[in-house]
Protein backbone atom coordinates (compact mmCIF):
# COMPACT_ATOMS: atom_id res chain seq x y z
CA MET A 1 13.49 73.38 121.28
CA ARG A 2 12.16 70.91 123.70
CA TYR A 3 15.26 70.48 125.33
CA GLU A 4 15.92 74.33 125.61
CA ILE A 5 12.62 74.75 126.98
CA VAL A 6 12.98 72.05 129.78
CA LYS A 7 16.25 73.52 130.51
CA GLU A 8 14.94 77.10 130.95
CA ASN A 9 12.11 75.76 133.14
CA GLU A 10 14.54 73.81 135.47
CA ARG A 11 16.62 77.00 135.61
CA ARG A 12 13.83 79.12 136.41
CA GLU A 13 12.29 76.88 139.05
CA MET A 14 15.87 76.38 140.55
CA HIS A 15 16.32 80.01 140.89
CA ASN A 16 12.72 80.68 142.59
CA VAL A 17 13.70 77.88 145.29
CA LEU A 18 17.30 79.07 145.85
CA THR A 19 16.02 82.77 146.18
CA VAL A 20 13.68 81.52 148.99
CA VAL A 21 16.25 79.62 150.80
CA GLN A 22 18.74 82.81 150.47
CA GLN A 23 16.03 85.04 151.96
CA ASN A 24 15.60 82.60 154.78
CA PHE A 25 19.49 82.61 155.28
CA GLU A 26 19.48 86.61 155.36
CA GLN A 27 16.48 86.57 157.71
CA VAL A 28 18.43 84.20 160.07
CA LEU A 29 21.50 86.61 159.89
CA LYS A 30 19.23 89.84 160.25
CA SER A 31 17.65 88.41 163.60
CA SER A 32 21.17 87.48 164.85
CA TYR A 33 22.74 90.88 164.26
CA THR A 34 19.70 92.48 166.10
CA SER A 35 20.43 90.05 168.97
CA ALA A 36 24.16 90.79 168.96
CA LEU A 37 23.42 94.78 168.80
CA THR A 38 21.02 94.49 171.59
CA MET A 39 23.60 92.45 173.92
CA ALA A 40 26.36 95.08 173.01
CA MET A 41 23.77 97.66 174.51
CA THR A 42 23.99 95.82 177.86
CA ILE A 43 27.72 96.86 178.38
CA ASN A 44 27.96 100.09 180.29
CA ASP A 45 30.54 102.78 179.86
CA LYS A 46 32.97 101.01 182.52
CA GLY A 47 32.84 97.86 180.22
CA VAL A 48 30.66 95.87 182.43
CA PRO A 49 27.53 94.07 181.03
CA GLU A 50 24.18 94.95 182.91
CA ASN A 51 21.22 92.30 183.11
CA PHE A 52 23.10 89.82 180.82
CA GLU A 53 21.27 86.92 181.81
CA LYS A 54 17.81 88.49 181.76
CA ILE A 55 18.19 90.29 178.31
CA ALA A 56 19.99 86.97 177.06
CA LYS A 57 17.01 84.87 177.80
CA GLN A 58 14.52 87.27 176.51
CA LEU A 59 16.45 87.14 173.08
CA LEU A 60 16.67 83.30 172.94
CA ASP A 61 13.08 83.02 173.87
CA ASN A 62 11.93 85.26 171.01
CA ASN A 63 14.53 84.15 168.50
CA LYS A 64 14.54 80.47 167.94
CA SER A 65 17.07 80.77 165.11
CA ILE A 66 20.32 81.18 167.45
CA ASP A 67 21.30 78.58 170.12
CA ALA A 68 23.46 80.84 172.25
CA VAL A 69 24.81 84.37 172.97
CA GLN A 70 28.09 85.03 174.43
CA LEU A 71 30.09 88.54 175.38
CA VAL A 72 33.75 88.31 174.52
CA PRO A 73 35.69 91.22 176.27
CA ASN A 74 39.19 91.38 174.73
CA GLY A 75 38.82 88.31 172.81
CA VAL A 76 38.06 85.94 176.00
CA ILE A 77 34.62 84.43 176.31
CA LYS A 78 33.44 85.65 180.02
CA TYR A 79 29.67 85.42 179.61
CA VAL A 80 27.35 82.94 177.90
CA TYR A 81 23.88 82.02 177.87
CA PRO A 82 22.46 79.24 178.32
CA TYR A 83 25.39 78.50 180.70
CA GLU A 84 25.30 74.82 181.38
CA GLU A 85 25.14 73.56 177.70
CA ASN A 86 27.96 76.00 176.88
CA LYS A 87 30.35 76.31 180.16
CA LYS A 88 33.06 74.74 178.43
CA VAL A 89 33.81 78.04 176.47
CA ILE A 90 34.22 80.05 179.38
CA ASN A 91 37.78 81.58 179.46
CA PHE A 92 38.36 80.63 175.97
CA ASN A 93 40.55 83.27 174.11
CA ILE A 94 39.46 83.27 170.62
CA LEU A 95 42.18 85.43 169.57
CA ASN A 96 44.90 82.93 170.39
CA SER A 97 42.94 80.26 168.69
CA PRO A 98 44.50 79.38 165.12
CA GLN A 99 40.94 78.00 164.27
CA ASN A 100 38.95 81.41 165.39
CA ARG A 101 41.57 84.27 165.23
CA TYR A 102 41.52 84.98 161.52
CA GLU A 103 37.73 85.56 161.04
CA ALA A 104 37.82 87.44 164.68
CA ARG A 105 40.30 89.88 163.35
CA LYS A 106 38.76 90.15 160.01
CA SER A 107 35.49 91.40 162.02
CA ILE A 108 37.69 93.76 164.35
CA LYS A 109 39.19 95.22 161.03
CA SER A 110 36.02 95.72 159.12
CA LYS A 111 34.01 96.96 162.38
CA LEU A 112 31.20 94.82 161.16
CA MET A 113 29.53 91.51 162.12
CA PHE A 114 31.02 88.49 160.54
CA PHE A 115 29.68 85.07 160.91
CA ALA A 116 32.54 82.61 161.27
CA GLY A 117 32.53 78.78 160.46
CA PRO A 118 31.13 76.46 160.07
CA LEU A 119 33.68 75.28 162.53
CA LYS A 120 34.00 72.70 165.58
CA LEU A 121 32.56 74.30 168.70
CA LYS A 122 34.32 74.06 171.88
CA GLN A 123 31.17 72.88 173.71
CA GLY A 124 30.58 70.23 171.16
CA GLY A 125 29.01 69.92 167.68
CA ILE A 126 29.45 72.24 164.52
CA GLY A 127 28.04 75.54 164.18
CA VAL A 128 28.50 79.12 163.30
CA VAL A 129 29.61 82.07 165.37
CA GLY A 130 28.49 85.62 164.36
CA ARG A 131 30.82 88.32 166.06
CA LEU A 132 29.98 91.85 166.33
CA PRO A 133 32.94 94.01 167.35
CA VAL A 134 32.13 96.41 170.24
CA TYR A 135 33.75 99.78 170.96
CA LYS A 136 33.59 101.83 174.15
CA ASN A 137 35.15 105.36 174.02
CA ASN A 138 36.51 104.70 170.50
CA ARG A 139 38.44 101.53 171.85
CA PHE A 140 37.86 98.07 170.96
CA TRP A 141 36.10 96.35 173.87
CA GLY A 142 35.39 92.73 172.54
CA PHE A 143 32.73 91.04 170.73
CA SER A 144 28.93 90.53 171.10
CA ALA A 145 28.50 87.09 169.64
CA VAL A 146 25.55 84.54 168.67
CA VAL A 147 26.14 80.93 168.07
CA ILE A 148 24.02 78.96 165.49
CA ARG A 149 24.45 75.44 165.41
CA LEU A 150 24.62 73.91 161.83
CA GLU A 151 21.43 71.83 162.28
CA THR A 152 19.78 75.10 163.33
CA LEU A 153 20.97 77.04 160.65
CA ILE A 154 19.93 74.22 157.87
CA LYS A 155 16.48 73.82 159.57
CA GLU A 156 15.68 77.48 159.59
CA SER A 157 16.85 77.95 155.98
CA GLY A 158 14.25 75.60 154.90
CA ILE A 159 16.68 73.33 152.98
CA ASN A 160 15.27 70.31 154.88
CA THR A 161 11.59 70.96 153.24
CA LEU A 162 13.00 70.80 149.87
CA ASP A 163 11.90 67.54 147.61
CA ASP A 164 15.43 66.10 147.17
CA SER A 165 14.39 63.78 144.36
CA LYS A 166 15.06 66.45 141.74
CA TYR A 167 17.49 68.83 143.42
CA TYR A 168 19.72 68.97 146.71
CA PHE A 169 21.73 71.55 148.36
CA GLN A 170 25.35 72.08 149.14
CA PHE A 171 26.57 74.51 151.53
CA SER A 172 30.43 75.42 151.39
CA LYS A 173 33.27 78.05 152.39
CA ILE A 174 36.70 78.54 151.65
CA ASN A 175 38.83 77.66 154.50
CA PRO A 176 40.89 80.59 155.94
CA ASN A 177 43.81 78.39 156.80
CA SER A 178 44.04 75.76 153.97
CA TYR A 179 42.41 78.13 151.33
CA LYS A 180 40.54 74.86 150.08
CA GLU A 181 36.80 74.73 149.64
CA GLU A 182 34.94 72.86 152.43
CA PHE A 183 31.59 71.27 152.07
CA PHE A 184 29.09 70.72 154.91
CA LEU A 185 26.28 69.00 153.73
CA PRO A 186 25.62 65.42 152.37
CA GLU A 187 26.61 64.15 148.85
CA LYS A 188 29.63 65.79 148.53
CA LYS A 189 30.70 64.03 145.43
CA ASP A 190 31.71 66.17 142.30
CA PHE A 191 28.82 67.87 141.10
CA LYS A 192 30.49 70.63 138.69
CA HIS A 193 29.06 68.88 135.49
CA LYS A 194 25.58 68.88 136.92
CA PRO A 195 23.07 71.75 136.11
CA LEU A 196 23.34 74.26 139.18
CA LEU A 197 23.07 77.60 140.49
CA LYS A 198 25.16 79.27 143.07
CA VAL A 199 24.87 82.41 145.34
CA THR A 200 27.31 84.03 147.85
CA ILE A 201 26.22 85.01 151.28
CA PRO A 202 28.73 87.83 152.06
CA ASP A 203 28.35 88.03 155.97
CA GLY A 204 29.91 84.53 156.31
CA GLU A 205 31.57 84.26 152.84
CA TRP A 206 29.59 81.19 152.18
CA ASN A 207 28.51 79.62 148.98
CA LEU A 208 25.19 78.10 148.60
CA TYR A 209 24.64 75.59 145.66
CA LEU A 210 21.29 74.31 144.31
CA ILE A 211 22.19 71.20 142.01
CA SER A 212 20.04 69.16 139.98
CA ARG A 213 20.12 65.33 140.02
CA ARG A 214 20.07 65.47 136.00
CA GLN A 215 22.87 65.50 133.55
CA ASN A 216 23.52 67.95 131.06
CA ASN A 217 23.57 65.58 128.21
CA VAL A 218 21.91 66.43 124.94
CA ILE A 219 22.10 62.74 123.67
CA ASN A 220 19.82 61.91 126.70
CA GLN A 221 17.17 64.36 125.31
CA VAL A 222 17.45 63.71 121.70
CA TYR A 223 16.80 60.15 120.52
CA THR A 224 16.75 58.63 116.94
CA SER A 225 13.81 59.78 114.74
CA ALA A 226 12.32 56.22 115.15
CA THR A 227 12.10 56.16 118.74
CA LEU A 228 10.94 59.79 118.99
CA GLY A 229 8.08 58.86 116.63
CA LEU A 230 7.06 55.95 118.47
CA LEU A 231 7.21 57.56 121.81
CA LEU A 232 6.11 61.19 120.95
CA SER A 233 2.67 61.15 122.20
CA ILE A 234 3.72 59.64 125.53
CA MET A 235 6.49 62.01 125.85
CA VAL A 236 4.17 65.00 125.11
CA GLY A 237 1.63 63.94 127.62
CA LEU A 238 4.06 63.31 130.35
CA TRP A 239 5.77 66.61 129.72
CA VAL A 240 2.20 68.51 129.92
CA THR A 241 1.65 66.68 132.93
CA SER A 242 4.82 67.71 134.53
CA LEU A 243 4.43 71.29 133.42
CA VAL A 244 1.13 71.23 134.99
CA LYS A 245 2.28 70.02 138.34
CA LYS A 246 5.43 72.37 138.60
CA PRO A 247 3.58 75.54 139.20
CA ALA A 248 1.45 74.04 141.82
CA GLU A 249 4.37 72.36 143.62
CA LEU A 250 6.25 75.81 143.41
CA GLN A 251 3.24 77.68 144.78
CA LYS A 252 3.06 75.13 147.69
CA LEU A 253 6.76 75.73 148.42
CA ILE A 254 6.42 79.42 148.38
CA GLU A 255 3.45 79.53 150.97
CA VAL A 256 5.52 77.53 153.28
CA GLN A 257 8.32 79.69 152.81
CA THR A 258 6.36 82.88 153.11
CA GLU A 259 4.61 81.47 156.22
CA LYS A 260 8.05 81.07 157.77
CA ILE A 261 9.25 84.67 156.82
CA ILE A 262 6.00 86.00 158.21
CA LYS A 263 6.75 84.10 161.40
CA LYS A 264 10.09 85.35 161.53
CA GLU A 265 8.99 88.76 160.98
CA ALA A 266 6.80 88.38 164.05
CA GLU A 267 9.79 87.14 166.25
CA PHE A 268 11.63 90.11 165.08
CA GLY A 269 8.81 92.52 165.93
CA ALA A 270 8.34 91.07 169.39
CA ILE A 271 12.27 91.71 169.94
CA PHE A 272 11.98 95.18 168.33
CA ASP A 273 8.81 96.22 170.57
CA GLN A 274 10.17 94.52 173.91
CA ALA A 275 13.65 95.51 173.72
CA PRO A 276 14.66 97.65 176.92
CA VAL A 277 16.34 100.26 174.61
CA GLY A 278 14.97 102.58 172.14
CA ILE A 279 15.19 101.35 168.40
CA ALA A 280 14.12 103.32 165.49
CA LYS A 281 14.36 102.77 161.65
CA ILE A 282 15.20 106.19 160.06
CA ASP A 283 15.34 107.29 156.40
CA THR A 284 18.71 108.44 155.97
CA ASP A 285 18.09 111.26 153.64
CA THR A 286 15.47 112.98 155.40
CA GLY A 287 15.86 111.95 158.83
CA LYS A 288 12.09 110.85 159.03
CA PHE A 289 11.15 108.01 161.34
CA ILE A 290 10.00 104.90 159.36
CA THR A 291 9.36 102.56 162.42
CA VAL A 292 9.96 103.20 166.23
CA ASN A 293 9.58 100.85 169.18
CA LYS A 294 7.78 101.90 172.51
CA ALA A 295 11.05 102.50 174.48
CA TYR A 296 12.15 104.92 172.01
CA ALA A 297 8.88 106.95 172.30
CA SER A 298 8.89 106.65 175.97
CA ILE A 299 12.48 108.16 176.20
CA VAL A 300 11.38 111.33 174.26
CA GLY A 301 7.84 111.61 175.66
CA TYR A 302 6.00 111.22 172.27
CA THR A 303 3.71 108.45 171.01
CA THR A 304 4.86 106.31 168.22
CA GLU A 305 2.13 107.94 165.94
CA GLU A 306 3.59 111.55 166.56
CA LEU A 307 7.12 110.50 165.89
CA LEU A 308 6.30 108.81 162.60
CA ILE A 309 5.16 112.09 161.17
CA THR A 310 8.36 114.06 162.20
CA ASN A 311 12.28 113.48 162.00
CA PHE A 312 15.22 113.18 164.50
CA GLN A 313 16.27 116.61 163.61
CA SER A 314 13.05 118.17 165.17
CA ILE A 315 13.67 116.55 168.67
CA THR A 316 17.27 117.04 168.72
CA TYR A 317 18.77 119.70 171.19
CA PRO A 318 20.11 122.49 169.00
CA GLU A 319 23.61 122.60 170.25
CA ASP A 320 23.91 118.76 169.57
CA LEU A 321 22.56 118.80 166.08
CA GLU A 322 25.54 119.96 163.90
CA GLU A 323 27.76 116.86 165.46
CA ASP A 324 24.99 114.48 164.67
CA LEU A 325 24.25 115.77 160.87
CA SER A 326 27.85 115.67 160.37
CA ASN A 327 28.18 111.90 161.14
CA MET A 328 25.16 111.28 159.10
CA GLU A 329 26.77 112.99 156.28
CA LYS A 330 29.78 110.54 156.65
CA LEU A 331 27.25 107.67 156.91
CA ARG A 332 25.45 108.71 153.82
CA ASN A 333 29.09 109.20 151.92
CA GLY A 334 30.18 105.43 152.87
CA GLN A 335 32.87 107.08 155.15
CA ILE A 336 31.83 105.21 158.25
CA GLU A 337 29.24 102.35 158.69
CA GLU A 338 28.28 103.53 162.12
CA PHE A 339 29.01 106.04 165.06
CA HIS A 340 28.36 106.28 168.55
CA ILE A 341 27.78 109.82 170.42
CA GLU A 342 26.18 111.06 173.46
CA LYS A 343 23.62 113.77 172.47
CA ARG A 344 20.47 115.40 174.07
CA TYR A 345 16.98 115.41 172.90
CA ILE A 346 14.05 117.68 173.72
CA HIS A 347 11.44 115.87 175.59
CA LYS A 348 7.73 116.52 174.52
CA SER A 349 7.33 118.23 178.09
CA GLY A 350 10.31 120.65 177.19
CA LYS A 351 12.85 118.93 179.56
CA ILE A 352 16.25 117.80 178.30
CA VAL A 353 16.86 113.99 177.91
CA TRP A 354 20.58 112.72 177.65
CA VAL A 355 20.91 109.48 175.42
CA ASN A 356 23.62 107.35 174.52
CA LEU A 357 23.15 107.02 170.58
CA ILE A 358 24.31 104.27 168.33
CA VAL A 359 23.56 104.46 164.72
CA ALA A 360 24.34 101.76 162.00
CA VAL A 361 23.65 101.24 158.28
CA LEU A 362 20.44 99.05 157.75
CA TRP A 363 19.94 99.16 154.18
CA LYS A 364 21.72 99.78 151.06
CA GLU A 365 20.88 100.04 147.30
CA SER A 366 23.67 100.33 144.58
CA ASN A 367 26.25 101.47 147.39
CA LYS A 368 23.69 104.23 148.44
CA VAL A 369 22.58 104.11 152.17
CA LEU A 370 18.80 104.20 152.13
CA ASN A 371 17.98 103.68 155.77
CA HIS A 372 19.68 103.13 159.11
CA ILE A 373 18.88 102.03 162.45
CA ALA A 374 19.28 104.16 165.75
CA ILE A 375 19.63 102.48 169.18
CA VAL A 376 19.16 105.00 172.23
CA GLU A 377 19.70 104.52 175.79
CA ASP A 378 18.53 106.96 178.37
CA ILE A 379 21.49 108.43 180.53
CA THR A 380 19.98 111.42 181.87
CA ASP A 381 20.18 110.21 185.42
CA LYS A 382 23.75 109.28 184.94
CA LYS A 383 24.65 112.83 183.36
CA ARG A 384 22.84 114.35 186.38
CA ALA A 385 24.96 112.40 188.79
CA GLU A 386 28.10 113.40 186.95
CA GLU A 387 27.10 117.06 187.03
CA GLU A 388 26.11 117.08 190.78
CA LEU A 389 29.69 115.33 191.48
CA LYS A 390 31.40 117.99 189.23
CA GLN A 391 29.62 120.72 191.24
CA SER A 392 30.63 119.06 194.52
CA PHE A 393 34.30 118.98 193.64
CA GLU A 394 34.22 122.39 192.45
CA LEU A 395 32.51 123.12 196.06
CA VAL A 396 35.15 121.37 197.73
CA SER A 397 38.02 122.75 195.90
CA GLU A 398 36.70 126.20 196.56
CA GLN A 399 36.43 125.60 200.23
CA ASN A 400 39.99 124.21 200.47
CA LYS A 401 41.05 127.31 198.59
CA ARG A 402 39.26 129.51 201.13
CA LEU A 403 40.37 127.41 204.23
CA LEU A 404 44.00 127.92 202.96
CA ASN A 405 43.60 131.58 202.54
CA PHE A 406 42.05 131.76 205.76
CA SER A 407 44.82 129.77 207.58
CA TYR A 408 47.41 132.37 205.94
CA ILE A 409 45.18 135.24 207.35
CA VAL A 410 44.94 133.76 210.87
CA SER A 411 48.90 132.92 210.92
CA HIS A 412 49.74 136.29 209.64
CA ASN A 413 47.71 138.33 211.96
CA LEU A 414 48.19 136.32 214.95
CA ARG A 415 51.98 136.22 214.55
CA SER A 416 51.91 139.88 214.11
CA HIS A 417 49.97 140.41 217.59
CA THR A 418 52.40 137.72 219.50
CA SER A 419 55.53 139.27 218.10
CA ASN A 420 54.26 142.62 219.23
CA ILE A 421 53.67 141.35 222.86
CA GLU A 422 56.92 139.32 222.72
CA LEU A 423 58.89 142.37 222.06
CA ILE A 424 57.13 144.61 224.61
CA SER A 425 57.61 141.91 227.32
CA SER A 426 61.44 141.55 226.49
CA LEU A 427 61.59 145.37 226.80
CA MET A 428 59.68 145.34 230.06
CA GLU A 429 62.74 143.23 231.42
CA GLY A 430 64.82 146.30 230.79
CA VAL A 431 62.75 149.02 232.14
CA LYS A 432 64.10 151.11 235.12
CA SER A 433 61.72 153.90 235.64
CA GLN A 434 58.05 153.81 236.79
CA GLU A 435 57.22 156.25 233.65
CA GLU A 436 58.82 153.82 231.01
CA GLN A 437 56.98 150.70 232.87
CA GLU A 438 53.49 152.57 232.43
CA GLU A 439 54.45 153.16 228.89
CA MET A 440 55.22 149.49 228.38
CA VAL A 441 51.97 148.46 229.96
CA HIS A 442 49.93 151.15 227.91
CA LEU A 443 51.48 149.58 224.64
CA LEU A 444 50.77 146.17 225.90
CA LYS A 445 47.15 146.99 226.60
CA ARG A 446 46.78 148.41 222.85
CA VAL A 447 48.39 145.32 221.43
CA SER A 448 45.82 142.98 223.77
CA LYS A 449 43.06 145.18 222.61
CA SER A 450 44.02 144.66 218.93
CA LEU A 451 44.52 141.08 219.29
CA ASP A 452 41.10 140.88 221.02
CA GLU A 453 39.51 142.71 217.89
CA THR A 454 41.30 140.47 215.50
CA MET A 455 40.09 137.40 217.50
CA ARG A 456 36.58 138.37 217.22
CA ASN A 457 36.74 139.11 213.38
CA LEU A 458 38.26 135.80 212.93
CA ASN A 459 35.68 134.03 214.83
CA GLU A 460 32.78 136.05 212.99
CA VAL A 461 34.25 134.85 209.74
CA VAL A 462 34.76 131.15 211.16
CA ASN A 463 31.04 131.35 212.25
CA ILE A 464 30.09 132.07 208.68
CA ARG A 465 32.22 129.42 207.07
CA THR A 466 30.96 126.62 209.23
CA ASN A 467 27.32 127.45 209.66
CA PHE A 468 25.57 125.05 207.34
CA ASN A 469 22.11 125.49 209.02
CA LEU A 470 21.05 128.98 208.22
CA THR A 471 17.63 129.98 208.82
CA ILE A 472 16.35 131.00 205.25
CA GLU A 473 13.24 133.17 205.20
CA ARG A 474 11.20 134.85 202.26
CA LEU A 475 12.46 138.63 202.68
CA ASN A 476 11.38 141.86 201.14
CA LEU A 477 14.52 143.33 199.55
CA ASN A 478 13.13 146.84 199.43
CA ASP A 479 12.08 146.90 203.33
CA PHE A 480 15.65 145.74 204.23
CA ILE A 481 17.34 148.56 202.04
CA GLU A 482 15.16 151.19 203.82
CA ARG A 483 16.21 149.76 207.45
CA SER A 484 19.82 150.17 206.56
CA ILE A 485 19.08 153.57 205.29
CA SER A 486 17.40 154.37 208.51
CA VAL A 487 20.29 153.07 210.50
CA LEU A 488 22.86 155.25 208.68
CA GLU A 489 20.57 158.27 208.89
CA LYS A 490 22.96 160.41 210.81
CA GLN A 491 26.05 159.58 208.39
CA ILE A 492 23.64 160.34 205.46
CA LYS A 493 22.76 163.68 206.85
CA ASP A 494 26.23 164.75 207.67
CA LYS A 495 27.54 164.19 204.25
CA GLN A 496 24.41 165.16 202.52
CA VAL A 497 24.09 162.03 200.45
CA ASN A 498 21.40 161.53 197.96
CA ILE A 499 20.27 157.76 197.96
CA GLN A 500 17.87 156.63 195.29
CA ASN A 501 16.28 153.06 196.22
CA LEU A 502 15.15 151.95 192.68
CA VAL A 503 14.50 148.30 193.82
CA PRO A 504 10.65 147.43 193.24
CA LYS A 505 8.65 146.80 196.45
CA HIS A 506 7.35 143.53 195.21
CA ILE A 507 11.00 141.87 194.95
CA GLU A 508 11.35 139.07 197.62
CA ILE A 509 14.42 136.81 197.99
CA ASP A 510 15.19 133.71 200.08
CA TYR A 511 18.01 134.74 202.43
CA ASN A 512 19.17 134.83 206.12
CA VAL A 513 18.22 137.77 207.74
CA ALA A 514 21.06 138.77 209.66
CA TYR A 515 23.51 138.17 206.66
CA LEU A 516 21.15 140.25 204.45
CA GLU A 517 21.27 143.27 206.98
CA SER A 518 25.03 142.98 207.37
CA ILE A 519 25.56 142.85 203.47
CA LEU A 520 23.37 145.98 202.90
CA TYR A 521 24.85 147.79 205.99
CA ASN A 522 28.52 147.36 204.90
CA PHE A 523 27.99 148.11 201.13
CA ILE A 524 25.93 151.37 201.85
CA SER A 525 28.03 152.66 204.61
CA ASN A 526 31.39 152.27 202.69
CA ALA A 527 29.62 153.97 199.64
CA ILE A 528 28.97 157.04 202.15
CA ARG A 529 32.46 156.57 203.94
CA TYR A 530 34.41 156.92 200.61
CA SER A 531 32.27 159.62 198.80
CA ASN A 532 33.99 162.19 196.76
CA PRO A 533 34.28 165.44 198.77
CA ASP A 534 34.12 167.53 195.43
CA LYS A 535 30.81 165.95 194.62
CA GLN A 536 27.42 165.55 196.25
CA PRO A 537 27.64 161.96 197.33
CA LEU A 538 24.99 159.84 195.27
CA ILE A 539 24.06 156.34 195.89
CA VAL A 540 21.81 154.15 193.50
CA LEU A 541 20.26 150.75 194.16
CA ARG A 542 18.87 148.88 191.23
CA PHE A 543 17.54 145.13 190.78
CA ASP A 544 17.83 142.98 187.78
CA GLU A 545 14.74 140.65 187.88
CA GLU A 546 16.16 138.60 185.03
CA LYS A 547 19.61 137.90 186.65
CA LYS A 548 18.11 138.21 190.21
CA ALA A 549 21.20 140.80 190.88
CA LEU A 550 21.41 143.67 193.14
CA SER A 551 23.71 146.72 192.20
CA ILE A 552 24.75 149.24 194.34
CA SER A 553 26.48 152.51 192.71
CA ASP A 554 28.14 155.41 194.07
CA ASN A 555 29.90 158.36 192.67
CA GLY A 556 32.66 158.24 195.21
CA ILE A 557 36.59 158.27 195.08
CA GLY A 558 36.57 154.82 193.39
CA ILE A 559 39.10 151.99 193.29
CA ASP A 560 42.19 151.18 191.18
CA LEU A 561 41.09 147.59 190.23
CA LYS A 562 44.29 147.00 188.24
CA ARG A 563 46.13 147.59 191.35
CA ASN A 564 44.12 146.45 194.18
CA GLY A 565 41.57 144.00 192.41
CA GLU A 566 42.89 140.84 193.75
CA ASN A 567 42.94 142.02 197.21
CA LEU A 568 39.82 144.03 197.19
CA PHE A 569 38.01 141.34 199.54
CA GLY A 570 40.93 140.50 201.59
CA MET A 571 41.04 140.65 205.29
CA TYR A 572 42.57 143.77 206.46
CA LYS A 573 43.01 145.30 203.19
CA THR A 574 42.59 148.95 202.77
CA PHE A 575 43.17 150.95 199.81
CA ASN A 576 43.25 154.64 201.05
CA ASN A 577 44.18 156.82 204.13
CA ASN A 578 40.75 156.86 205.71
CA PRO A 579 41.38 156.45 209.56
CA ASP A 580 38.13 154.59 209.88
CA ALA A 581 39.06 151.85 207.19
CA LYS A 582 39.79 148.61 208.81
CA GLY A 583 39.40 146.27 205.86
CA ILE A 584 37.26 143.74 207.44
CA GLY A 585 33.59 144.82 206.13
CA LEU A 586 34.09 143.86 202.57
CA PHE A 587 35.69 140.67 203.63
CA ILE A 588 32.92 139.60 205.86
CA SER A 589 30.22 140.59 203.33
CA LYS A 590 31.96 138.55 200.70
CA ASN A 591 31.93 135.31 202.94
CA GLN A 592 28.45 135.89 203.76
CA ILE A 593 27.56 136.09 200.09
CA ASP A 594 29.65 133.04 199.30
CA ALA A 595 27.87 130.98 202.18
CA MET A 596 24.38 132.06 200.56
CA GLY A 597 25.68 130.43 197.40
CA GLY A 598 25.93 133.54 195.53
CA ARG A 599 28.55 135.79 194.06
CA ILE A 600 29.89 139.48 193.99
CA GLU A 601 31.15 141.63 190.85
CA THR A 602 32.81 144.90 191.23
CA GLU A 603 33.11 147.73 188.40
CA SER A 604 35.19 150.89 189.58
CA GLU A 605 37.14 153.94 188.14
CA ILE A 606 39.20 156.40 190.24
CA ASN A 607 37.16 159.57 190.94
CA VAL A 608 34.24 158.23 188.88
CA GLY A 609 32.61 155.70 191.35
CA THR A 610 32.10 152.18 192.06
CA THR A 611 29.50 149.50 191.53
CA PHE A 612 29.02 146.34 193.37
CA THR A 613 26.61 143.76 191.91
CA ILE A 614 25.33 141.17 194.23
CA TYR A 615 23.97 137.98 192.52
CA PHE A 616 21.71 135.95 194.59
CA LYS A 617 20.95 132.34 194.19
């Protein structure tokens, strides 16, 4: 019975000690993962790290459990901090190294952080290397890595603080090349027959042993009855003394290790609060925020207290919520361990904030994801620049298209006039009578006059398209419509046109005076000119304040849009036999509207009427 009691007490004590050391190991790996994840966030969408040295220095200053950080694009070490102590590893390709490539590829395959080693470091010494695979645009970019020297790992785990008179630790791993178990701490002699406890640390596939220096030998515990009788009182006294001391020793050890854990938590909290990106711990089932750092709160405009009483769904832009929730469902079901998307948040002020979001599993229990970590980077300015670039490209494309169409117009119209002049000139060479010569001169004057009119029209269009410094004024739209009606008073009376100006008198627009007068004159005069002779002409002008759109409707002869829609605003394009039609008014008006950043839409039906809708910028 005494033997069993001693054995059970020893096992319980060893379990407590081993648990504390295991927790220390996990704390070191946890802080290493956070550091590697933070370094990965320095890589922009072009695959280039930003502020590497600054952020790396902050990480090492706040996390004493790591000795160096690296960025390893395509498996080649290109960035390392601190540089001087580690410069020998620059340009070292780990994927071509027999010692490193197996565990590096294992990390790529699992898409999770994996701690390789212990192994001989290129810069000297022995250490472990934690590598987090980084993906950009769903393609493998490389690794974000942390280096922990073996002596640092042992120190931070608390192994050195253990009283080794009773127990000692051993740290091992199966060599991925030889498949043999290698031991990295002193006292490597065979200990399989001694009392021991073993735990596995999966992030590095390490085995951690706590070994008793005593032998499991019943004979040493059970003596002859005579010896036991003589020494019974002494043994009981020593045993009681040992039992009294053990809780005190264990309590002291727990206090020391607890203090270390608290210190590690404080260091992790410093990294969490001072990180240059937003970081939040979130309940996976409900989406509620558990902890949020200041950078995250600043990005969305709320205080950390306000975020802790809400969830990420409430601040997500509605159109982006479905994709976000779909990825979260895959995360909960274990289909993925992490995901990366660009999404929008609704800032507290109401504005839209674009972010680069990385979500990864943080804690599981019985294969169920309990919470996850979300890291966000504000990319609003980048998105705005992309949108402006896109608009500039569309504007240039549209301008090029117009320029090409204009060149066709110029080429066609000038060629037509020069051909007529050339024909008349050749005919004049064969003229014999004075009467024929006068007729040729008359024809030449008509062609010359037509050419002059064409040049004036083309010049006006050129002025519209090249005038980038137009004077913009605040104009009352109703007043300008009344002016145009007044100018066209004679035509209105001649055709007994009923014009209804329903535009409210308070409507004002920012526009160029000359362009607005020209546009209104052209559309109202066209509505009068192409009125239906079988109806009393009716023209109605309305304004949609929500769309900032002016509509001009008539009940005239209408236009066959299926047949003529593409050429409606073309130069010198006419669609009826009206002798006054020149095909220039609508062309110029369309160019003026485009120059002011607006657009025009047309609805028309033969013998029913036409509606032109002008949208102001």
